[in-house]
């Protein structure tokens, strides 16, 4: 049975497009992401065991 969708190929294609866009205009790319998704800081996840 043939695959209808190749996830690995899709991921590689999107990664390549995003990296090209980032390298061509880093500040513009980051501003666009911030406008679209808000704050991009990673959240700390606690590992409290108790």
Protein backbone atom coordinates (compact mmCIF):
# COMPACT_ATOMS: atom_id res chain seq x y z
CA UNK A 1 0.00 0.00 0.00
CA UNK A 2 1.42 3.36 -1.04
CA UNK A 3 1.65 6.22 1.44
CA UNK A 4 -0.75 9.06 0.81
CA UNK A 5 1.33 11.51 2.83
CA UNK A 6 5.07 11.45 3.54
CA UNK A 7 5.52 13.25 6.87
CA UNK A 8 9.33 13.18 6.76
CA UNK A 9 9.44 14.76 3.31
CA UNK A 10 6.91 17.39 4.41
CA UNK A 11 8.91 18.21 7.54
CA UNK A 12 12.14 18.58 5.55
CA UNK A 13 10.44 20.85 3.01
CA UNK A 14 8.93 23.12 5.68
CA UNK A 15 12.21 23.27 7.62
CA UNK A 16 14.08 24.29 4.47
CA UNK A 17 11.53 27.01 3.64
CA UNK A 18 11.58 28.40 7.18
CA UNK A 19 15.38 28.40 7.37
CA UNK A 20 15.63 30.24 4.03
CA UNK A 21 13.12 32.84 5.21
CA UNK A 22 14.98 33.22 8.53
CA UNK A 23 18.37 33.61 6.86
CA UNK A 24 17.12 36.20 4.37
CA UNK A 25 15.53 38.50 7.01
CA UNK A 26 16.14 37.39 10.61
CA UNK A 27 14.57 40.40 12.35
CA UNK A 28 11.50 40.45 10.10
CA UNK A 29 11.00 36.72 10.56
CA UNK A 30 11.20 36.97 14.35
CA UNK A 31 8.87 39.99 14.44
CA UNK A 32 6.34 38.10 12.32
CA UNK A 33 6.49 35.12 14.69
CA UNK A 34 6.08 37.37 17.72
CA UNK A 35 3.04 39.08 16.16
CA UNK A 36 1.48 35.76 15.27
CA UNK A 37 2.27 33.73 18.40
CA UNK A 38 3.11 36.30 21.10
CA UNK A 39 5.97 35.77 23.54
CA UNK A 40 8.40 33.11 22.31
CA UNK A 41 10.25 32.47 25.57
CA UNK A 42 10.48 28.84 26.61
CA UNK A 43 8.53 27.94 29.70
CA UNK A 44 10.30 26.23 32.54
CA UNK A 45 8.74 22.96 33.58
CA UNK A 46 9.15 22.04 37.20
CA UNK A 47 10.35 18.58 38.16
CA UNK A 48 9.24 18.75 41.77
CA UNK A 49 8.85 15.30 43.28
CA UNK A 50 7.17 15.14 46.58
